[in-house]
PDB file of N, CA and C in Angstrom:
ATOM      1  N   MET A   1      92.652 130.450 108.906  1.00  0.00           N
ATOM      2  CA  MET A   1      93.383 129.257 109.069  1.00  0.00           C
ATOM      3  C   MET A   1      93.478 128.634 110.385  1.00  0.00           C
ATOM      4  N   ILE A   2      93.608 129.822 111.260  1.00  0.00           N
ATOM      5  CA  ILE A   2      93.823 129.451 112.687  1.00  0.00           C
ATOM      6  C   ILE A   2      92.288 128.671 113.033  1.00  0.00           C
ATOM      7  N   SER A   3      91.355 129.341 112.848  1.00  0.00           N
ATOM      8  CA  SER A   3      89.980 128.915 113.204  1.00  0.00           C
ATOM      9  C   SER A   3      89.743 127.381 112.621  1.00  0.00           C
ATOM     10  N   ILE A   4      90.338 127.059 111.402  1.00  0.00           N
ATOM     11  CA  ILE A   4      90.170 125.805 110.973  1.00  0.00           C
ATOM     12  C   ILE A   4      90.791 124.790 111.733  1.00  0.00           C
ATOM     13  N   VAL A   5      92.162 125.103 112.015  1.00  0.00           N
ATOM     14  CA  VAL A   5      92.809 124.032 112.730  1.00  0.00           C
ATOM     15  C   VAL A   5      92.485 124.088 114.181  1.00  0.00           C
ATOM     16  N   ASP A   6      91.915 125.004 114.830  1.00  0.00           N
ATOM     17  CA  ASP A   6      91.459 125.221 116.029  1.00  0.00           C
ATOM     18  C   ASP A   6      90.062 124.227 116.250  1.00  0.00           C
ATOM     19  N   ASP A   7      89.173 124.578 115.209  1.00  0.00           N
ATOM     20  CA  ASP A   7      87.980 123.658 115.234  1.00  0.00           C
ATOM     21  C   ASP A   7      88.255 122.151 114.871  1.00  0.00           C
ATOM     22  N   THR A   8      89.078 121.915 114.179  1.00  0.00           N
ATOM     23  CA  THR A   8      89.456 120.537 113.836  1.00  0.00           C
ATOM     24  C   THR A   8      89.922 119.817 115.112  1.00  0.00           C
ATOM     25  N   TYR A   9      90.741 120.583 116.072  1.00  0.00           N
ATOM     26  CA  TYR A   9      91.160 119.937 117.294  1.00  0.00           C
ATOM     27  C   TYR A   9      89.995 119.889 118.378  1.00  0.00           C
ATOM     28  N   ASP A  10      89.069 121.011 118.295  1.00  0.00           N
ATOM     29  CA  ASP A  10      88.184 121.122 119.207  1.00  0.00           C
ATOM     30  C   ASP A  10      86.951 119.964 119.085  1.00  0.00           C
ATOM     31  N   SER A  11      86.602 119.912 117.747  1.00  0.00           N
ATOM     32  CA  SER A  11      85.502 119.109 117.435  1.00  0.00           C
ATOM     33  C   SER A  11      85.154 118.071 116.502  1.00  0.00           C
ATOM     34  N   TYR A  12      86.316 117.997 115.766  1.00  0.00           N
ATOM     35  CA  TYR A  12      86.166 116.995 114.642  1.00  0.00           C
ATOM     36  C   TYR A  12      87.056 115.746 114.926  1.00  0.00           C
ATOM     37  N   GLY A  13      88.393 116.175 115.176  1.00  0.00           N
ATOM     38  CA  GLY A  13      89.388 115.056 115.312  1.00  0.00           C
ATOM     39  C   GLY A  13      89.307 113.970 116.394  1.00  0.00           C
ATOM     40  N   THR A  14      89.647 112.864 115.982  1.00  0.00           N
ATOM     41  CA  THR A  14      89.996 111.778 117.064  1.00  0.00           C
ATOM     42  C   THR A  14      91.339 112.012 117.692  1.00  0.00           C
ATOM     43  N   THR A  15      91.502 111.393 118.950  1.00  0.00           N
ATOM     44  CA  THR A  15      92.879 111.679 119.417  1.00  0.00           C
ATOM     45  C   THR A  15      93.955 111.059 118.398  1.00  0.00           C
ATOM     46  N   LYS A  16      93.719 109.762 117.914  1.00  0.00           N
ATOM     47  CA  LYS A  16      94.632 109.116 116.846  1.00  0.00           C
ATOM     48  C   LYS A  16      95.010 110.216 115.750  1.00  0.00           C
ATOM     49  N   GLU A  17      93.726 110.792 115.077  1.00  0.00           N
ATOM     50  CA  GLU A  17      94.031 111.625 113.932  1.00  0.00           C
ATOM     51  C   GLU A  17      94.710 112.882 114.475  1.00  0.00           C
ATOM     52  N   LEU A  18      94.302 113.495 115.488  1.00  0.00           N
ATOM     53  CA  LEU A  18      95.196 114.643 115.857  1.00  0.00           C
ATOM     54  C   LEU A  18      96.524 114.565 116.195  1.00  0.00           C
ATOM     55  N   THR A  19      96.835 113.300 116.746  1.00  0.00           N
ATOM     56  CA  THR A  19      98.303 113.067 116.922  1.00  0.00           C
ATOM     57  C   THR A  19      99.073 113.042 115.554  1.00  0.00           C
ATOM     58  N   LYS A  20      98.457 112.358 114.539  1.00  0.00           N
ATOM     59  CA  LYS A  20      98.933 112.320 113.196  1.00  0.00           C
ATOM     60  C   LYS A  20      99.052 113.732 112.606  1.00  0.00           C
ATOM     61  N   ASP A  21      97.913 114.444 112.789  1.00  0.00           N
ATOM     62  CA  ASP A  21      97.912 115.888 112.091  1.00  0.00           C
ATOM     63  C   ASP A  21      99.032 116.803 112.900  1.00  0.00           C
ATOM     64  N   THR A  22      99.224 116.616 114.167  1.00  0.00           N
ATOM     65  CA  THR A  22     100.256 117.282 114.748  1.00  0.00           C
ATOM     66  C   THR A  22     101.798 117.013 114.315  1.00  0.00           C
ATOM     67  N   ASP A  23     101.859 115.798 114.143  1.00  0.00           N
ATOM     68  CA  ASP A  23     103.191 115.320 113.756  1.00  0.00           C
ATOM     69  C   ASP A  23     103.361 115.587 112.202  1.00  0.00           C
ATOM     70  N   VAL A  24     102.421 115.677 111.393  1.00  0.00           N
ATOM     71  CA  VAL A  24     102.579 115.923 109.848  1.00  0.00           C
ATOM     72  C   VAL A  24     102.751 117.554 109.812  1.00  0.00           C
ATOM     73  N   ILE A  25     102.155 118.268 110.626  1.00  0.00           N
ATOM     74  CA  ILE A  25     102.152 119.789 110.695  1.00  0.00           C
ATOM     75  C   ILE A  25     103.666 120.173 110.978  1.00  0.00           C
ATOM     76  N   GLN A  26     104.074 119.460 112.094  1.00  0.00           N
ATOM     77  CA  GLN A  26     105.532 119.802 112.574  1.00  0.00           C
ATOM     78  C   GLN A  26     106.511 119.511 111.522  1.00  0.00           C
ATOM     79  N   LYS A  27     106.520 118.442 110.601  1.00  0.00           N
ATOM     80  CA  LYS A  27     107.290 118.193 109.761  1.00  0.00           C
ATOM     81  C   LYS A  27     107.075 119.101 108.391  1.00  0.00           C
ATOM     82  N   TRP A  28     106.189 119.565 108.177  1.00  0.00           N
ATOM     83  CA  TRP A  28     105.906 120.684 107.057  1.00  0.00           C
ATOM     84  C   TRP A  28     106.407 120.214 105.837  1.00  0.00           C
ATOM     85  N   ASP A  29     105.903 119.038 105.415  1.00  0.00           N
ATOM     86  CA  ASP A  29     106.323 118.372 104.125  1.00  0.00           C
ATOM     87  C   ASP A  29     104.860 117.851 103.412  1.00  0.00           C
ATOM     88  N   ILE A  30     104.586 118.307 102.325  1.00  0.00           N
ATOM     89  CA  ILE A  30     103.660 117.726 101.500  1.00  0.00           C
ATOM     90  C   ILE A  30     103.711 116.254 101.301  1.00  0.00           C
ATOM     91  N   LYS A  31     104.854 115.615 101.494  1.00  0.00           N
ATOM     92  CA  LYS A  31     104.822 114.166 101.149  1.00  0.00           C
ATOM     93  C   LYS A  31     104.265 113.396 102.233  1.00  0.00           C
ATOM     94  N   GLU A  32     103.911 114.060 103.344  1.00  0.00           N
ATOM     95  CA  GLU A  32     103.156 113.495 104.500  1.00  0.00           C
ATOM     96  C   GLU A  32     101.738 113.320 104.458  1.00  0.00           C
ATOM     97  N   ILE A  33     101.216 114.102 103.582  1.00  0.00           N
ATOM     98  CA  ILE A  33      99.740 114.327 103.538  1.00  0.00           C
ATOM     99  C   ILE A  33      98.974 113.222 103.437  1.00  0.00           C
ATOM    100  N   ASP A  34      99.454 112.101 103.007  1.00  0.00           N
ATOM    101  CA  ASP A  34      98.870 110.590 102.723  1.00  0.00           C
ATOM    102  C   ASP A  34      98.578 110.053 104.136  1.00  0.00           C
ATOM    103  N   ARG A  35      99.285 110.492 105.194  1.00  0.00           N
ATOM    104  CA  ARG A  35      99.150 109.844 106.562  1.00  0.00           C
ATOM    105  C   ARG A  35      97.849 110.368 107.051  1.00  0.00           C
ATOM    106  N   LEU A  36      97.135 111.575 106.400  1.00  0.00           N
ATOM    107  CA  LEU A  36      96.057 112.184 107.244  1.00  0.00           C
ATOM    108  C   LEU A  36      94.795 111.764 106.614  1.00  0.00           C
ATOM    109  N   PRO A  37      93.554 111.880 107.472  1.00  0.00           N
ATOM    110  CA  PRO A  37      92.412 111.364 106.926  1.00  0.00           C
ATOM    111  C   PRO A  37      92.009 112.580 105.850  1.00  0.00           C
ATOM    112  N   ASP A  38      91.266 112.067 104.812  1.00  0.00           N
ATOM    113  CA  ASP A  38      90.764 113.013 103.771  1.00  0.00           C
ATOM    114  C   ASP A  38      90.369 114.386 104.012  1.00  0.00           C
ATOM    115  N   TYR A  39      89.641 114.362 105.284  1.00  0.00           N
ATOM    116  CA  TYR A  39      88.980 115.898 105.711  1.00  0.00           C
ATOM    117  C   TYR A  39      90.090 116.660 106.024  1.00  0.00           C
ATOM    118  N   MET A  40      91.210 115.964 106.592  1.00  0.00           N
ATOM    119  CA  MET A  40      92.454 116.989 107.181  1.00  0.00           C
ATOM    120  C   MET A  40      93.274 117.211 105.927  1.00  0.00           C
ATOM    121  N   LYS A  41      93.358 116.492 105.015  1.00  0.00           N
ATOM    122  CA  LYS A  41      94.274 116.774 103.700  1.00  0.00           C
ATOM    123  C   LYS A  41      93.873 118.156 103.158  1.00  0.00           C
ATOM    124  N   ILE A  42      92.618 118.495 103.261  1.00  0.00           N
ATOM    125  CA  ILE A  42      92.160 119.482 102.708  1.00  0.00           C
ATOM    126  C   ILE A  42      92.666 120.813 103.280  1.00  0.00           C
ATOM    127  N   SER A  43      92.753 120.901 104.766  1.00  0.00           N
ATOM    128  CA  SER A  43      93.239 122.131 105.614  1.00  0.00           C
ATOM    129  C   SER A  43      94.532 122.051 105.443  1.00  0.00           C
ATOM    130  N   TYR A  44      95.388 120.765 105.595  1.00  0.00           N
ATOM    131  CA  TYR A  44      96.792 120.705 105.595  1.00  0.00           C
ATOM    132  C   TYR A  44      97.311 121.408 104.191  1.00  0.00           C
ATOM    133  N   LYS A  45      96.838 121.020 103.034  1.00  0.00           N
ATOM    134  CA  LYS A  45      97.215 121.356 101.711  1.00  0.00           C
ATOM    135  C   LYS A  45      96.883 123.061 101.729  1.00  0.00           C
ATOM    136  N   ALA A  46      95.794 123.535 102.339  1.00  0.00           N
ATOM    137  CA  ALA A  46      95.492 124.890 102.497  1.00  0.00           C
ATOM    138  C   ALA A  46      96.649 125.805 103.065  1.00  0.00           C
ATOM    139  N   LEU A  47      97.066 124.971 104.297  1.00  0.00           N
ATOM    140  CA  LEU A  47      97.957 125.786 105.332  1.00  0.00           C
ATOM    141  C   LEU A  47      99.374 125.717 104.576  1.00  0.00           C
ATOM    142  N   LEU A  48      99.739 124.844 103.835  1.00  0.00           N
ATOM    143  CA  LEU A  48     100.901 124.807 103.175  1.00  0.00           C
ATOM    144  C   LEU A  48     100.825 125.882 102.044  1.00  0.00           C
ATOM    145  N   ASP A  49      99.804 125.846 101.282  1.00  0.00           N
ATOM    146  CA  ASP A  49      99.642 126.867 100.217  1.00  0.00           C
ATOM    147  C   ASP A  49      99.808 128.108 100.688  1.00  0.00           C
ATOM    148  N   LEU A  50      99.050 128.498 101.735  1.00  0.00           N
ATOM    149  CA  LEU A  50      99.081 129.887 102.472  1.00  0.00           C
ATOM    150  C   LEU A  50     100.589 130.316 102.717  1.00  0.00           C
ATOM    151  N   TYR A  51     101.389 129.476 103.496  1.00  0.00           N
ATOM    152  CA  TYR A  51     102.598 129.897 103.826  1.00  0.00           C
ATOM    153  C   TYR A  51     103.603 129.929 102.435  1.00  0.00           C
ATOM    154  N   GLU A  52     103.164 129.241 101.318  1.00  0.00           N
ATOM    155  CA  GLU A  52     104.113 129.277 100.108  1.00  0.00           C
ATOM    156  C   GLU A  52     103.798 130.602  99.488  1.00  0.00           C
ATOM    157  N   ASP A  53     102.382 130.941  99.513  1.00  0.00           N
ATOM    158  CA  ASP A  53     102.237 132.343  98.959  1.00  0.00           C
ATOM    159  C   ASP A  53     102.791 133.527 100.112  1.00  0.00           C
ATOM    160  N   TYR A  54     102.845 133.370 101.086  1.00  0.00           N
ATOM    161  CA  TYR A  54     103.555 134.402 102.080  1.00  0.00           C
ATOM    162  C   TYR A  54     105.035 134.440 101.688  1.00  0.00           C
ATOM    163  N   GLU A  55     105.793 133.310 101.559  1.00  0.00           N
ATOM    164  CA  GLU A  55     106.998 133.381 101.089  1.00  0.00           C
ATOM    165  C   GLU A  55     107.252 134.033  99.931  1.00  0.00           C
ATOM    166  N   LYS A  56     106.247 133.663  98.723  1.00  0.00           N
ATOM    167  CA  LYS A  56     106.391 134.456  97.492  1.00  0.00           C
ATOM    168  C   LYS A  56     106.336 135.915  97.723  1.00  0.00           C
ATOM    169  N   GLU A  57     105.399 136.356  98.412  1.00  0.00           N
ATOM    170  CA  GLU A  57     105.030 137.769  98.552  1.00  0.00           C
ATOM    171  C   GLU A  57     106.226 138.451  99.279  1.00  0.00           C
ATOM    172  N   MET A  58     106.912 137.621 100.394  1.00  0.00           N
ATOM    173  CA  MET A  58     108.018 138.260 101.143  1.00  0.00           C
ATOM    174  C   MET A  58     109.254 138.318 100.364  1.00  0.00           C
ATOM    175  N   SER A  59     109.418 137.478  99.513  1.00  0.00           N
ATOM    176  CA  SER A  59     110.654 137.323  98.689  1.00  0.00           C
ATOM    177  C   SER A  59     110.821 138.507  97.808  1.00  0.00           C
ATOM    178  N   SER A  60     109.766 139.060  97.422  1.00  0.00           N
ATOM    179  CA  SER A  60     109.949 140.377  96.629  1.00  0.00           C
ATOM    180  C   SER A  60     110.429 141.469  97.399  1.00  0.00           C
ATOM    181  N   ASN A  61     110.304 141.391  98.652  1.00  0.00           N
ATOM    182  CA  ASN A  61     110.985 142.422  99.602  1.00  0.00           C
ATOM    183  C   ASN A  61     112.149 141.911 100.065  1.00  0.00           C
ATOM    184  N   GLY A  62     112.651 140.756  99.790  1.00  0.00           N
ATOM    185  CA  GLY A  62     114.035 140.141 100.237  1.00  0.00           C
ATOM    186  C   GLY A  62     113.763 139.679 101.677  1.00  0.00           C
ATOM    187  N   LYS A  63     112.610 139.399 102.022  1.00  0.00           N
ATOM    188  CA  LYS A  63     112.487 138.908 103.492  1.00  0.00           C
ATOM    189  C   LYS A  63     111.695 137.731 103.538  1.00  0.00           C
ATOM    190  N   SER A  64     111.883 136.642 102.581  1.00  0.00           N
ATOM    191  CA  SER A  64     111.349 135.416 102.484  1.00  0.00           C
ATOM    192  C   SER A  64     111.925 134.375 103.678  1.00  0.00           C
ATOM    193  N   HIS A  65     113.024 134.874 104.187  1.00  0.00           N
ATOM    194  CA  HIS A  65     113.410 134.024 105.510  1.00  0.00           C
ATOM    195  C   HIS A  65     112.705 134.310 106.820  1.00  0.00           C
ATOM    196  N   LEU A  66     111.658 135.206 106.768  1.00  0.00           N
ATOM    197  CA  LEU A  66     110.893 135.491 107.864  1.00  0.00           C
ATOM    198  C   LEU A  66     109.792 134.461 107.863  1.00  0.00           C
ATOM    199  N   VAL A  67     109.201 133.809 106.636  1.00  0.00           N
ATOM    200  CA  VAL A  67     108.217 132.874 106.814  1.00  0.00           C
ATOM    201  C   VAL A  67     108.858 131.495 107.647  1.00  0.00           C
ATOM    202  N   TYR A  68     110.107 131.460 107.469  1.00  0.00           N
ATOM    203  CA  TYR A  68     110.653 130.089 108.334  1.00  0.00           C
ATOM    204  C   TYR A  68     110.402 130.282 109.608  1.00  0.00           C
ATOM    205  N   TYR A  69     110.329 131.339 110.308  1.00  0.00           N
ATOM    206  CA  TYR A  69     110.250 131.691 111.636  1.00  0.00           C
ATOM    207  C   TYR A  69     108.700 131.640 112.030  1.00  0.00           C
ATOM    208  N   ALA A  70     107.837 131.892 110.889  1.00  0.00           N
ATOM    209  CA  ALA A  70     106.397 131.878 111.214  1.00  0.00           C
ATOM    210  C   ALA A  70     105.832 130.389 111.174  1.00  0.00           C
ATOM    211  N   LYS A  71     106.710 129.623 110.502  1.00  0.00           N
ATOM    212  CA  LYS A  71     106.431 128.211 110.294  1.00  0.00           C
ATOM    213  C   LYS A  71     106.674 127.571 111.648  1.00  0.00           C
TER     214      LYS A  71
END
């Protein structure tokens, strides 16, 4: 996931798109996805899904609060 985000910033995104992407990631809200270009929506959704999976996995150990700090 880090590589995908990094490559997007290094090679694919325009300054305007990357500013939106940064803002959307900081808000960490699926409702913000429509602000992104189509190609960024895929990686943003994957990022949110990944952390949702982490949260589910950590909750079985009573440590789901740790995901908050990772975000």
